[in-house]
């Protein structure tokens, strides 16, 4: 069992970001959430280490309390 790697580990992060943006092109909020869920489950399966996945879940959820968004998280942006 390992620890979550928080060091920069993506060779071309801007390209990856662009692909993630394109992934959501033309999708409504529901479809976008479904695509995100599928991607998360595919990547979690690929990682396969439950301890690492639990660490990532904890960090992702904890980060929400640290972020001060200028737009409420439940705002209707459509």
PDB file of N, CA and C in Angstrom:
ATOM      1  N   UNK A   1       0.841  -1.178   0.000  1.00  0.00           N
ATOM      2  CA  UNK A   1       0.000   0.000   0.000  1.00  0.00           C
ATOM      3  C   UNK A   1       0.883   1.236   0.000  1.00  0.00           C
ATOM      4  N   UNK A   2       0.464   2.243  -0.750  1.00  0.00           N
ATOM      5  CA  UNK A   2       1.275   3.435  -0.889  1.00  0.00           C
ATOM      6  C   UNK A   2       0.598   4.675  -0.345  1.00  0.00           C
ATOM      7  N   UNK A   3       1.241   5.774  -0.613  1.00  0.00           N
ATOM      8  CA  UNK A   3       0.700   7.076  -0.254  1.00  0.00           C
ATOM      9  C   UNK A   3       0.372   7.838  -1.526  1.00  0.00           C
ATOM     10  N   UNK A   4      -0.570   8.725  -1.416  1.00  0.00           N
ATOM     11  CA  UNK A   4      -0.973   9.554  -2.539  1.00  0.00           C
ATOM     12  C   UNK A   4       0.176  10.455  -2.954  1.00  0.00           C
ATOM     13  N   UNK A   5       0.507  10.458  -4.225  1.00  0.00           N
ATOM     14  CA  UNK A   5       1.571  11.297  -4.761  1.00  0.00           C
ATOM     15  C   UNK A   5       1.006  12.683  -5.039  1.00  0.00           C
ATOM     16  N   UNK A   6       1.490  13.684  -4.309  1.00  0.00           N
ATOM     17  CA  UNK A   6       1.025  15.053  -4.497  1.00  0.00           C
ATOM     18  C   UNK A   6       2.019  15.895  -5.294  1.00  0.00           C
ATOM     19  N   UNK A   7       3.112  15.280  -5.721  1.00  0.00           N
ATOM     20  CA  UNK A   7       4.091  15.985  -6.548  1.00  0.00           C
ATOM     21  C   UNK A   7       3.582  16.050  -7.988  1.00  0.00           C
ATOM     22  N   UNK A   8       4.019  17.095  -8.705  1.00  0.00           N
ATOM     23  CA  UNK A   8       3.657  17.203 -10.123  1.00  0.00           C
ATOM     24  C   UNK A   8       4.114  15.930 -10.835  1.00  0.00           C
ATOM     25  N   UNK A   9       3.191  15.255 -11.510  1.00  0.00           N
ATOM     26  CA  UNK A   9       3.492  13.940 -12.066  1.00  0.00           C
ATOM     27  C   UNK A   9       2.904  13.757 -13.466  1.00  0.00           C
ATOM     28  N   UNK A  10       2.514  14.851 -14.104  1.00  0.00           N
ATOM     29  CA  UNK A  10       1.913  14.787 -15.430  1.00  0.00           C
ATOM     30  C   UNK A  10       2.841  15.508 -16.397  1.00  0.00           C
ATOM     31  N   UNK A  11       3.262  14.807 -17.436  1.00  0.00           N
ATOM     32  CA  UNK A  11       4.255  15.355 -18.369  1.00  0.00           C
ATOM     33  C   UNK A  11       3.754  16.610 -19.081  1.00  0.00           C
ATOM     34  N   UNK A  12       2.492  16.622 -19.465  1.00  0.00           N
ATOM     35  CA  UNK A  12       1.937  17.750 -20.227  1.00  0.00           C
ATOM     36  C   UNK A  12       0.613  18.190 -19.587  1.00  0.00           C
ATOM     37  N   UNK A  13       0.678  18.860 -18.440  1.00  0.00           N
ATOM     38  CA  UNK A  13      -0.544  19.200 -17.709  1.00  0.00           C
ATOM     39  C   UNK A  13      -1.501  20.106 -18.484  1.00  0.00           C
ATOM     40  N   UNK A  14      -0.984  21.020 -19.288  1.00  0.00           N
ATOM     41  CA  UNK A  14      -1.870  21.898 -20.062  1.00  0.00           C
ATOM     42  C   UNK A  14      -2.663  21.110 -21.101  1.00  0.00           C
ATOM     43  N   UNK A  15      -2.020  20.141 -21.728  1.00  0.00           N
ATOM     44  CA  UNK A  15      -2.719  19.290 -22.694  1.00  0.00           C
ATOM     45  C   UNK A  15      -3.815  18.476 -22.008  1.00  0.00           C
ATOM     46  N   UNK A  16      -3.508  17.957 -20.830  1.00  0.00           N
ATOM     47  CA  UNK A  16      -4.500  17.196 -20.077  1.00  0.00           C
ATOM     48  C   UNK A  16      -5.678  18.090 -19.698  1.00  0.00           C
ATOM     49  N   UNK A  17      -5.385  19.295 -19.234  1.00  0.00           N
ATOM     50  CA  UNK A  17      -6.454  20.235 -18.877  1.00  0.00           C
ATOM     51  C   UNK A  17      -7.346  20.505 -20.088  1.00  0.00           C
ATOM     52  N   UNK A  18      -6.733  20.740 -21.243  1.00  0.00           N
ATOM     53  CA  UNK A  18      -7.507  20.980 -22.465  1.00  0.00           C
ATOM     54  C   UNK A  18      -8.407  19.791 -22.791  1.00  0.00           C
ATOM     55  N   UNK A  19      -7.890  18.577 -22.638  1.00  0.00           N
ATOM     56  CA  UNK A  19      -8.699  17.378 -22.911  1.00  0.00           C
ATOM     57  C   UNK A  19      -9.883  17.280 -21.945  1.00  0.00           C
ATOM     58  N   UNK A  20      -9.651  17.651 -20.691  1.00  0.00           N
ATOM     59  CA  UNK A  20     -10.742  17.617 -19.715  1.00  0.00           C
ATOM     60  C   UNK A  20     -11.814  18.651 -20.051  1.00  0.00           C
ATOM     61  N   UNK A  21     -11.403  19.815 -20.520  1.00  0.00           N
ATOM     62  CA  UNK A  21     -12.368  20.841 -20.919  1.00  0.00           C
ATOM     63  C   UNK A  21     -13.177  20.356 -22.128  1.00  0.00           C
ATOM     64  N   UNK A  22     -12.498  19.807 -23.128  1.00  0.00           N
ATOM     65  CA  UNK A  22     -13.168  19.303 -24.331  1.00  0.00           C
ATOM     66  C   UNK A  22     -14.123  18.161 -23.979  1.00  0.00           C
ATOM     67  N   UNK A  23     -13.769  17.365 -22.993  1.00  0.00           N
ATOM     68  CA  UNK A  23     -14.621  16.263 -22.551  1.00  0.00           C
ATOM     69  C   UNK A  23     -16.024  16.748 -22.197  1.00  0.00           C
ATOM     70  N   UNK A  24     -16.124  17.970 -21.689  1.00  0.00           N
ATOM     71  CA  UNK A  24     -17.402  18.509 -21.222  1.00  0.00           C
ATOM     72  C   UNK A  24     -18.110  19.386 -22.252  1.00  0.00           C
ATOM     73  N   UNK A  25     -17.488  19.621 -23.401  1.00  0.00           N
ATOM     74  CA  UNK A  25     -18.115  20.448 -24.442  1.00  0.00           C
ATOM     75  C   UNK A  25     -19.475  19.893 -24.839  1.00  0.00           C
ATOM     76  N   UNK A  26     -20.473  20.754 -24.826  1.00  0.00           N
ATOM     77  CA  UNK A  26     -21.806  20.374 -25.275  1.00  0.00           C
ATOM     78  C   UNK A  26     -22.627  19.580 -24.278  1.00  0.00           C
ATOM     79  N   UNK A  27     -22.090  19.342 -23.088  1.00  0.00           N
ATOM     80  CA  UNK A  27     -22.824  18.571 -22.083  1.00  0.00           C
ATOM     81  C   UNK A  27     -23.564  19.502 -21.134  1.00  0.00           C
ATOM     82  N   UNK A  28     -24.743  19.077 -20.694  1.00  0.00           N
ATOM     83  CA  UNK A  28     -25.419  19.836 -19.651  1.00  0.00           C
ATOM     84  C   UNK A  28     -24.824  19.428 -18.300  1.00  0.00           C
ATOM     85  N   UNK A  29     -25.276  20.058 -17.218  1.00  0.00           N
ATOM     86  CA  UNK A  29     -24.697  19.793 -15.895  1.00  0.00           C
ATOM     87  C   UNK A  29     -24.812  18.323 -15.500  1.00  0.00           C
ATOM     88  N   UNK A  30     -25.957  17.711 -15.783  1.00  0.00           N
ATOM     89  CA  UNK A  30     -26.164  16.306 -15.420  1.00  0.00           C
ATOM     90  C   UNK A  30     -25.211  15.402 -16.194  1.00  0.00           C
ATOM     91  N   UNK A  31     -25.117  15.612 -17.492  1.00  0.00           N
ATOM     92  CA  UNK A  31     -24.221  14.802 -18.321  1.00  0.00           C
ATOM     93  C   UNK A  31     -22.768  14.993 -17.894  1.00  0.00           C
ATOM     94  N   UNK A  32     -22.413  16.219 -17.561  1.00  0.00           N
ATOM     95  CA  UNK A  32     -21.054  16.516 -17.121  1.00  0.00           C
ATOM     96  C   UNK A  32     -20.735  15.782 -15.818  1.00  0.00           C
ATOM     97  N   UNK A  33     -21.701  15.763 -14.900  1.00  0.00           N
ATOM     98  CA  UNK A  33     -21.506  15.047 -13.637  1.00  0.00           C
ATOM     99  C   UNK A  33     -21.355  13.547 -13.882  1.00  0.00           C
ATOM    100  N   UNK A  34     -22.124  12.998 -14.815  1.00  0.00           N
ATOM    101  CA  UNK A  34     -22.023  11.573 -15.140  1.00  0.00           C
ATOM    102  C   UNK A  34     -20.654  11.255 -15.726  1.00  0.00           C
ATOM    103  N   UNK A  35     -20.187  12.095 -16.657  1.00  0.00           N
ATOM    104  CA  UNK A  35     -18.864  11.880 -17.257  1.00  0.00           C
ATOM    105  C   UNK A  35     -17.780  11.956 -16.185  1.00  0.00           C
ATOM    106  N   UNK A  36     -17.890  12.937 -15.281  1.00  0.00           N
ATOM    107  CA  UNK A  36     -16.913  13.042 -14.189  1.00  0.00           C
ATOM    108  C   UNK A  36     -16.922  11.783 -13.326  1.00  0.00           C
ATOM    109  N   UNK A  37     -18.115  11.292 -13.001  1.00  0.00           N
ATOM    110  CA  UNK A  37     -18.220  10.084 -12.177  1.00  0.00           C
ATOM    111  C   UNK A  37     -17.586   8.882 -12.857  1.00  0.00           C
ATOM    112  N   UNK A  38     -17.852   8.728 -14.147  1.00  0.00           N
ATOM    113  CA  UNK A  38     -17.261   7.611 -14.891  1.00  0.00           C
ATOM    114  C   UNK A  38     -15.742   7.713 -14.912  1.00  0.00           C
ATOM    115  N   UNK A  39     -15.236   8.917 -15.154  1.00  0.00           N
ATOM    116  CA  UNK A  39     -13.786   9.120 -15.195  1.00  0.00           C
ATOM    117  C   UNK A  39     -13.156   8.816 -13.836  1.00  0.00           C
ATOM    118  N   UNK A  40     -13.791   9.267 -12.769  1.00  0.00           N
ATOM    119  CA  UNK A  40     -13.281   9.005 -11.418  1.00  0.00           C
ATOM    120  C   UNK A  40     -13.223   7.505 -11.150  1.00  0.00           C
ATOM    121  N   UNK A  41     -14.287   6.785 -11.499  1.00  0.00           N
ATOM    122  CA  UNK A  41     -14.314   5.342 -11.253  1.00  0.00           C
ATOM    123  C   UNK A  41     -13.289   4.598 -12.101  1.00  0.00           C
ATOM    124  N   UNK A  42     -13.118   5.016 -13.352  1.00  0.00           N
ATOM    125  CA  UNK A  42     -12.095   4.395 -14.202  1.00  0.00           C
ATOM    126  C   UNK A  42     -10.696   4.613 -13.633  1.00  0.00           C
ATOM    127  N   UNK A  43     -10.410   5.831 -13.204  1.00  0.00           N
ATOM    128  CA  UNK A  43      -9.085   6.126 -12.652  1.00  0.00           C
ATOM    129  C   UNK A  43      -8.876   5.440 -11.306  1.00  0.00           C
ATOM    130  N   UNK A  44      -9.925   5.384 -10.467  1.00  0.00           N
ATOM    131  CA  UNK A  44      -9.808   4.690  -9.184  1.00  0.00           C
ATOM    132  C   UNK A  44      -9.519   3.209  -9.406  1.00  0.00           C
ATOM    133  N   UNK A  45     -10.191   2.614 -10.377  1.00  0.00           N
ATOM    134  CA  UNK A  45      -9.930   1.213 -10.698  1.00  0.00           C
ATOM    135  C   UNK A  45      -8.495   1.024 -11.182  1.00  0.00           C
ATOM    136  N   UNK A  46      -8.016   1.946 -11.987  1.00  0.00           N
ATOM    137  CA  UNK A  46      -6.647   1.858 -12.495  1.00  0.00           C
ATOM    138  C   UNK A  46      -5.639   1.975 -11.351  1.00  0.00           C
ATOM    139  N   UNK A  47      -5.891   2.885 -10.421  1.00  0.00           N
ATOM    140  CA  UNK A  47      -4.993   3.051  -9.270  1.00  0.00           C
ATOM    141  C   UNK A  47      -4.996   1.777  -8.436  1.00  0.00           C
ATOM    142  N   UNK A  48      -6.197   1.306  -8.098  1.00  0.00           N
ATOM    143  CA  UNK A  48      -6.339   0.026  -7.435  1.00  0.00           C
ATOM    144  C   UNK A  48      -5.936  -0.039  -5.972  1.00  0.00           C
ATOM    145  N   UNK A  49      -5.291   0.971  -5.459  1.00  0.00           N
ATOM    146  CA  UNK A  49      -4.823   0.983  -4.074  1.00  0.00           C
ATOM    147  C   UNK A  49      -5.834   1.754  -3.234  1.00  0.00           C
ATOM    148  N   UNK A  50      -6.609   1.017  -2.426  1.00  0.00           N
ATOM    149  CA  UNK A  50      -7.693   1.638  -1.670  1.00  0.00           C
ATOM    150  C   UNK A  50      -7.193   2.713  -0.711  1.00  0.00           C
ATOM    151  N   UNK A  51      -6.024   2.524  -0.124  1.00  0.00           N
ATOM    152  CA  UNK A  51      -5.474   3.527   0.790  1.00  0.00           C
ATOM    153  C   UNK A  51      -5.217   4.841   0.050  1.00  0.00           C
ATOM    154  N   UNK A  52      -4.645   4.761  -1.128  1.00  0.00           N
ATOM    155  CA  UNK A  52      -4.376   5.955  -1.933  1.00  0.00           C
ATOM    156  C   UNK A  52      -5.688   6.634  -2.323  1.00  0.00           C
ATOM    157  N   UNK A  53      -6.668   5.847  -2.711  1.00  0.00           N
ATOM    158  CA  UNK A  53      -7.961   6.405  -3.108  1.00  0.00           C
ATOM    159  C   UNK A  53      -8.636   7.082  -1.919  1.00  0.00           C
ATOM    160  N   UNK A  54      -8.557   6.472  -0.746  1.00  0.00           N
ATOM    161  CA  UNK A  54      -9.132   7.089   0.459  1.00  0.00           C
ATOM    162  C   UNK A  54      -8.437   8.409   0.789  1.00  0.00           C
ATOM    163  N   UNK A  55      -7.122   8.466   0.625  1.00  0.00           N
ATOM    164  CA  UNK A  55      -6.398   9.718   0.855  1.00  0.00           C
ATOM    165  C   UNK A  55      -6.870  10.796  -0.118  1.00  0.00           C
ATOM    166  N   UNK A  56      -7.034  10.426  -1.380  1.00  0.00           N
ATOM    167  CA  UNK A  56      -7.492  11.380  -2.391  1.00  0.00           C
ATOM    168  C   UNK A  56      -8.906  11.875  -2.077  1.00  0.00           C
ATOM    169  N   UNK A  57      -9.775  10.973  -1.656  1.00  0.00           N
ATOM    170  CA  UNK A  57     -11.143  11.351  -1.296  1.00  0.00           C
ATOM    171  C   UNK A  57     -11.125  12.343  -0.135  1.00  0.00           C
ATOM    172  N   UNK A  58     -10.325  12.053   0.869  1.00  0.00           N
ATOM    173  CA  UNK A  58     -10.232  12.946   2.020  1.00  0.00           C
ATOM    174  C   UNK A  58      -9.727  14.327   1.645  1.00  0.00           C
ATOM    175  N   UNK A  59      -8.715  14.375   0.803  1.00  0.00           N
ATOM    176  CA  UNK A  59      -8.174  15.668   0.377  1.00  0.00           C
ATOM    177  C   UNK A  59      -9.168  16.430  -0.495  1.00  0.00           C
ATOM    178  N   UNK A  60      -9.841  15.729  -1.389  1.00  0.00           N
ATOM    179  CA  UNK A  60     -10.800  16.390  -2.278  1.00  0.00           C
ATOM    180  C   UNK A  60     -11.972  16.963  -1.487  1.00  0.00           C
ATOM    181  N   UNK A  61     -12.489  16.211  -0.564  1.00  0.00           N
ATOM    182  CA  UNK A  61     -13.629  16.680   0.234  1.00  0.00           C
ATOM    183  C   UNK A  61     -13.204  17.782   1.191  1.00  0.00           C
ATOM    184  N   UNK A  62     -12.044  17.619   1.797  1.00  0.00           N
ATOM    185  CA  UNK A  62     -11.544  18.631   2.724  1.00  0.00           C
ATOM    186  C   UNK A  62     -11.267  19.950   2.040  1.00  0.00           C
ATOM    187  N   UNK A  63     -10.880  19.893   0.781  1.00  0.00           N
ATOM    188  CA  UNK A  63     -10.548  21.113   0.049  1.00  0.00           C
ATOM    189  C   UNK A  63     -11.763  22.014  -0.119  1.00  0.00           C
ATOM    190  N   UNK A  64     -12.960  21.460  -0.111  1.00  0.00           N
ATOM    191  CA  UNK A  64     -14.157  22.276  -0.283  1.00  0.00           C
ATOM    192  C   UNK A  64     -14.342  23.264   0.851  1.00  0.00           C
ATOM    193  N   UNK A  65     -13.933  22.896   2.051  1.00  0.00           N
ATOM    194  CA  UNK A  65     -14.100  23.803   3.180  1.00  0.00           C
ATOM    195  C   UNK A  65     -13.047  24.896   3.179  1.00  0.00           C
ATOM    196  N   UNK A  66     -11.960  24.710   2.436  1.00  0.00           N
ATOM    197  CA  UNK A  66     -10.887  25.696   2.385  1.00  0.00           C
ATOM    198  C   UNK A  66     -11.080  26.722   1.276  1.00  0.00           C
ATOM    199  N   UNK A  67     -11.976  26.450   0.344  1.00  0.00           N
ATOM    200  CA  UNK A  67     -12.140  27.309  -0.830  1.00  0.00           C
ATOM    201  C   UNK A  67     -13.240  28.322  -0.580  1.00  0.00           C
ATOM    202  N   UNK A  68     -12.922  29.572  -0.845  1.00  0.00           N
ATOM    203  CA  UNK A  68     -13.929  30.619  -0.765  1.00  0.00           C
ATOM    204  C   UNK A  68     -14.288  30.997  -2.199  1.00  0.00           C
ATOM    205  N   UNK A  69     -15.413  30.483  -2.661  1.00  0.00           N
ATOM    206  CA  UNK A  69     -15.841  30.709  -4.033  1.00  0.00           C
ATOM    207  C   UNK A  69     -16.635  32.002  -4.124  1.00  0.00           C
ATOM    208  N   UNK A  70     -16.369  32.818  -5.156  1.00  0.00           N
ATOM    209  CA  UNK A  70     -17.168  34.029  -5.335  1.00  0.00           C
ATOM    210  C   UNK A  70     -18.597  33.706  -5.769  1.00  0.00           C
ATOM    211  N   UNK A  71     -18.803  32.479  -6.230  1.00  0.00           N
ATOM    212  CA  UNK A  71     -20.124  32.027  -6.649  1.00  0.00           C
ATOM    213  C   UNK A  71     -20.519  30.871  -5.742  1.00  0.00           C
ATOM    214  N   UNK A  72     -21.712  30.922  -5.121  1.00  0.00           N
ATOM    215  CA  UNK A  72     -22.136  29.802  -4.275  1.00  0.00           C
ATOM    216  C   UNK A  72     -22.101  28.493  -5.049  1.00  0.00           C
ATOM    217  N   UNK A  73     -21.726  27.407  -4.360  1.00  0.00           N
ATOM    218  CA  UNK A  73     -21.602  26.111  -5.015  1.00  0.00           C
ATOM    219  C   UNK A  73     -22.914  25.625  -5.613  1.00  0.00           C
ATOM    220  N   UNK A  74     -24.047  26.123  -5.094  1.00  0.00           N
ATOM    221  CA  UNK A  74     -25.341  25.686  -5.614  1.00  0.00           C
ATOM    222  C   UNK A  74     -25.959  26.710  -6.565  1.00  0.00           C
ATOM    223  N   UNK A  75     -25.174  27.675  -7.030  1.00  0.00           N
ATOM    224  CA  UNK A  75     -25.688  28.722  -7.913  1.00  0.00           C
ATOM    225  C   UNK A  75     -26.099  28.150  -9.262  1.00  0.00           C
ATOM    226  N   UNK A  76     -27.163  28.705  -9.836  1.00  0.00           N
ATOM    227  CA  UNK A  76     -27.604  28.316 -11.176  1.00  0.00           C
ATOM    228  C   UNK A  76     -26.831  29.151 -12.187  1.00  0.00           C
ATOM    229  N   UNK A  77     -25.888  28.514 -12.886  1.00  0.00           N
ATOM    230  CA  UNK A  77     -25.039  29.233 -13.836  1.00  0.00           C
ATOM    231  C   UNK A  77     -25.560  29.137 -15.260  1.00  0.00           C
ATOM    232  N   UNK A  78     -26.653  28.419 -15.457  1.00  0.00           N
ATOM    233  CA  UNK A  78     -27.174  28.209 -16.805  1.00  0.00           C
ATOM    234  C   UNK A  78     -28.053  29.302 -17.216  1.00  0.00           C
TER     235      UNK A  78
END
